[in-house]
C-alpha atoms as a PDB file:
ATOM      1  CA  MET A   1     -17.247  10.500 -14.997  1.00  0.00           C
ATOM      2  CA  ASN A   2     -15.183  13.195 -13.342  1.00  0.00           C
ATOM      3  CA  LYS A   3     -11.388  12.624 -13.270  1.00  0.00           C
ATOM      4  CA  LYS A   4     -11.311  13.957  -9.725  1.00  0.00           C
ATOM      5  CA  LEU A   5     -13.763  11.286  -8.566  1.00  0.00           C
ATOM      6  CA  LEU A   6     -11.888   8.600 -10.507  1.00  0.00           C
ATOM      7  CA  TYR A   7      -8.767   9.651  -8.620  1.00  0.00           C
ATOM      8  CA  TRP A   8     -10.233   9.999  -5.130  1.00  0.00           C
ATOM      9  CA  VAL A   9     -12.266   6.765  -4.925  1.00  0.00           C
ATOM     10  CA  PRO A  10      -9.354   4.339  -5.457  1.00  0.00           C
ATOM     11  CA  THR A  11      -6.989   6.597  -3.503  1.00  0.00           C
ATOM     12  CA  VAL A  12      -9.253   6.659  -0.441  1.00  0.00           C
ATOM     13  CA  LEU A  13      -9.862   2.889  -0.661  1.00  0.00           C
ATOM     14  CA  LEU A  14      -6.132   2.264  -0.997  1.00  0.00           C
ATOM     15  CA  SER A  15      -5.432   4.598   1.925  1.00  0.00           C
ATOM     16  CA  ALA A  16      -7.967   2.777   4.077  1.00  0.00           C
ATOM     17  CA  MET A  17      -6.325  -0.557   3.223  1.00  0.00           C
ATOM     18  CA  MET A  18      -2.890   0.798   4.119  1.00  0.00           C
ATOM     19  CA  LEU A  19      -4.051   2.328   7.405  1.00  0.00           C
ATOM     20  CA  MET A  20      -5.787  -0.912   8.390  1.00  0.00           C
ATOM     21  CA  SER A  21      -2.643  -2.839   7.479  1.00  0.00           C
ATOM     22  CA  ALA A  22      -0.422  -0.479   9.491  1.00  0.00           C
ATOM     23  CA  GLY A  23      -2.812  -0.721  12.441  1.00  0.00           C
ATOM     24  CA  MET A  24      -2.731  -4.491  12.255  1.00  0.00           C
ATOM     25  CA  TYR A  25       1.079  -4.430  12.233  1.00  0.00           C
ATOM     26  CA  VAL A  26       1.111  -2.320  15.406  1.00  0.00           C
ATOM     27  CA  PHE A  27      -1.813  -3.766  17.373  1.00  0.00           C
ATOM     28  CA  ASN A  28      -1.399  -7.440  16.334  1.00  0.00           C
ATOM     29  CA  TYR A  29       2.385  -7.476  16.314  1.00  0.00           C
ATOM     30  CA  GLU A  30       2.706 -10.931  17.873  1.00  0.00           C
ATOM     31  CA  GLU A  31       0.555 -12.560  15.204  1.00  0.00           C
ATOM     32  CA  ILE A  32       2.170 -10.615  12.353  1.00  0.00           C
ATOM     33  CA  SER A  33       5.681 -11.379  13.634  1.00  0.00           C
ATOM     34  CA  LEU A  34       4.873 -15.091  13.274  1.00  0.00           C
ATOM     35  CA  ALA A  35       3.451 -14.651   9.761  1.00  0.00           C
ATOM     36  CA  PHE A  36       6.247 -12.525   8.237  1.00  0.00           C
ATOM     37  CA  PRO A  37       8.971 -15.222   8.364  1.00  0.00           C
ATOM     38  CA  LYS A  38       6.572 -17.682   6.699  1.00  0.00           C
ATOM     39  CA  LEU A  39       6.296 -15.160   3.845  1.00  0.00           C
ATOM     40  CA  GLY A  40      10.069 -14.890   3.638  1.00  0.00           C
ATOM     41  CA  PHE A  41      10.437 -11.517   5.385  1.00  0.00           C
ATOM     42  CA  PRO A  42      12.163 -10.703   8.673  1.00  0.00           C
ATOM     43  CA  ALA A  43       9.968  -9.592  11.561  1.00  0.00           C
ATOM     44  CA  PHE A  44      12.105  -6.527  12.280  1.00  0.00           C
ATOM     45  CA  VAL A  45      10.607  -4.713   9.262  1.00  0.00           C
ATOM     46  CA  ILE A  46       7.072  -4.734  10.691  1.00  0.00           C
ATOM     47  CA  TYR A  47       7.170  -1.460  12.648  1.00  0.00           C
ATOM     48  CA  PRO A  48       9.172   0.491  10.031  1.00  0.00           C
ATOM     49  CA  LEU A  49       6.791  -0.770   7.342  1.00  0.00           C
ATOM     50  CA  ALA A  50       3.793   0.374   9.404  1.00  0.00           C
ATOM     51  CA  VAL A  51       5.309   3.846   9.766  1.00  0.00           C
ATOM     52  CA  LEU A  52       6.117   4.051   6.058  1.00  0.00           C
ATOM     53  CA  LYS A  53       2.576   3.010   5.131  1.00  0.00           C
ATOM     54  CA  VAL A  54       1.138   5.820   7.254  1.00  0.00           C
ATOM     55  CA  LEU A  55       3.599   8.324   5.760  1.00  0.00           C
ATOM     56  CA  GLY A  56       2.725   7.097   2.258  1.00  0.00           C
ATOM     57  CA  VAL A  57      -0.966   7.606   2.931  1.00  0.00           C
ATOM     58  CA  ILE A  58      -0.274  11.130   4.181  1.00  0.00           C
ATOM     59  CA  ALA A  59       1.753  11.865   1.036  1.00  0.00           C
ATOM     60  CA  LEU A  60      -1.040  10.627  -1.238  1.00  0.00           C
ATOM     61  CA  LEU A  61      -3.923  12.292   0.565  1.00  0.00           C
ATOM     62  CA  THR A  62      -2.294  15.681   1.091  1.00  0.00           C
ATOM     63  CA  ASN A  63      -0.819  15.846  -2.407  1.00  0.00           C
ATOM     64  CA  LYS A  64       1.527  18.623  -1.212  1.00  0.00           C
ATOM     65  CA  SER A  65       4.628  17.394  -3.027  1.00  0.00           C
ATOM     66  CA  LYS A  66       4.774  15.677  -6.397  1.00  0.00           C
ATOM     67  CA  PHE A  67       8.147  14.242  -5.374  1.00  0.00           C
ATOM     68  CA  LEU A  68       6.760  12.652  -2.185  1.00  0.00           C
ATOM     69  CA  SER A  69       3.669  11.379  -3.999  1.00  0.00           C
ATOM     70  CA  GLU A  70       5.870   9.664  -6.592  1.00  0.00           C
ATOM     71  CA  TRP A  71       7.903   8.014  -3.833  1.00  0.00           C
ATOM     72  CA  ALA A  72       4.738   6.914  -2.048  1.00  0.00           C
ATOM     73  CA  TYR A  73       3.384   5.327  -5.238  1.00  0.00           C
ATOM     74  CA  ALA A  74       6.731   3.601  -5.871  1.00  0.00           C
ATOM     75  CA  GLY A  75       7.000   2.355  -2.294  1.00  0.00           C
ATOM     76  CA  PHE A  76       3.476   0.982  -2.302  1.00  0.00           C
ATOM     77  CA  PHE A  77       4.078  -0.659  -5.691  1.00  0.00           C
ATOM     78  CA  PHE A  78       7.079  -2.599  -4.405  1.00  0.00           C
ATOM     79  CA  ASP A  79       5.327  -3.378  -1.126  1.00  0.00           C
ATOM     80  CA  PHE A  80       2.391  -4.936  -2.982  1.00  0.00           C
ATOM     81  CA  LEU A  81       4.606  -6.880  -5.386  1.00  0.00           C
ATOM     82  CA  LEU A  82       6.631  -8.298  -2.501  1.00  0.00           C
ATOM     83  CA  ALA A  83       3.458  -9.081  -0.536  1.00  0.00           C
ATOM     84  CA  ALA A  84       1.916 -10.904  -3.500  1.00  0.00           C
ATOM     85  CA  SER A  85       5.156 -12.804  -4.099  1.00  0.00           C
ATOM     86  CA  GLY A  86       5.477 -13.771  -0.442  1.00  0.00           C
ATOM     87  CA  HIS A  87       1.909 -15.023  -0.246  1.00  0.00           C
ATOM     88  CA  LEU A  88       2.190 -16.919  -3.534  1.00  0.00           C
ATOM     89  CA  ASN A  89       5.468 -18.543  -2.461  1.00  0.00           C
ATOM     90  CA  ALA A  90       4.027 -19.434   0.955  1.00  0.00           C
ATOM     91  CA  GLY A  91       0.963 -20.931  -0.736  1.00  0.00           C
ATOM     92  CA  ASP A  92      -1.332 -19.505   1.932  1.00  0.00           C
ATOM     93  CA  GLY A  93      -3.989 -18.272  -0.517  1.00  0.00           C
ATOM     94  CA  GLU A  94      -3.779 -14.695   0.799  1.00  0.00           C
ATOM     95  CA  ALA A  95      -2.290 -12.956  -2.269  1.00  0.00           C
ATOM     96  CA  MET A  96      -5.608 -11.490  -3.454  1.00  0.00           C
ATOM     97  CA  GLY A  97      -5.379  -8.521  -1.064  1.00  0.00           C
ATOM     98  CA  ALA A  98      -2.048  -7.526  -2.589  1.00  0.00           C
ATOM     99  CA  PHE A  99      -3.494  -7.778  -6.097  1.00  0.00           C
ATOM    100  CA  VAL A 100      -6.513  -5.669  -5.140  1.00  0.00           C
ATOM    101  CA  ALA A 101      -4.194  -3.081  -3.596  1.00  0.00           C
ATOM    102  CA  LEU A 102      -2.076  -3.131  -6.752  1.00  0.00           C
ATOM    103  CA  ALA A 103      -5.171  -2.511  -8.903  1.00  0.00           C
ATOM    104  CA  LEU A 104      -6.251   0.390  -6.671  1.00  0.00           C
ATOM    105  CA  LEU A 105      -2.723   1.780  -6.727  1.00  0.00           C
ATOM    106  CA  THR A 106      -2.495   1.583 -10.512  1.00  0.00           C
ATOM    107  CA  THR A 107      -5.858   3.298 -10.943  1.00  0.00           C
ATOM    108  CA  SER A 108      -5.020   5.999  -8.405  1.00  0.00           C
ATOM    109  CA  ARG A 109      -1.620   6.631  -9.999  1.00  0.00           C
ATOM    110  CA  TYR A 110      -3.069   6.831 -13.512  1.00  0.00           C
ATOM    111  CA  PHE A 111      -5.675   9.426 -12.577  1.00  0.00           C
ATOM    112  CA  TRP A 112      -3.189  11.281 -10.356  1.00  0.00           C
ATOM    113  CA  GLN A 113      -0.948  11.655 -13.421  1.00  0.00           C
ATOM    114  CA  LEU A 114      -3.866  12.958 -15.476  1.00  0.00           C
ATOM    115  CA  ARG A 115      -4.732  15.491 -12.756  1.00  0.00           C
ATOM    116  CA  THR A 116      -1.158  16.733 -12.353  1.00  0.00           C
ATOM    117  CA  ALA A 117      -0.702  17.087 -16.116  1.00  0.00           C
ATOM    118  CA  GLU A 118      -3.546  19.595 -16.335  1.00  0.00           C
END
């Protein structure tokens, strides 16, 4: 299978997840602001996190700067780890989304590295 396809499929799926998440943070703020403290996070990070998710998606999809792409991958990695940890600690059974995102991120990052090494 083509390395380009193996990069773009998980990257587009991950981007869609992040854009849906950012949209949910903005358009369902009241509901999200009640859920964040239950996960152990302050509600004031919701809007900045939504903005950073959109910027991360732009960095990954445009691929203009290796530096920005690396930061986007790192930011998403920590976001997903903290999300999984928060959901596991809350015991709400919602950690699977974070693990799926982490798998997509890992796959995207691996094939991104292969593409940039060529």
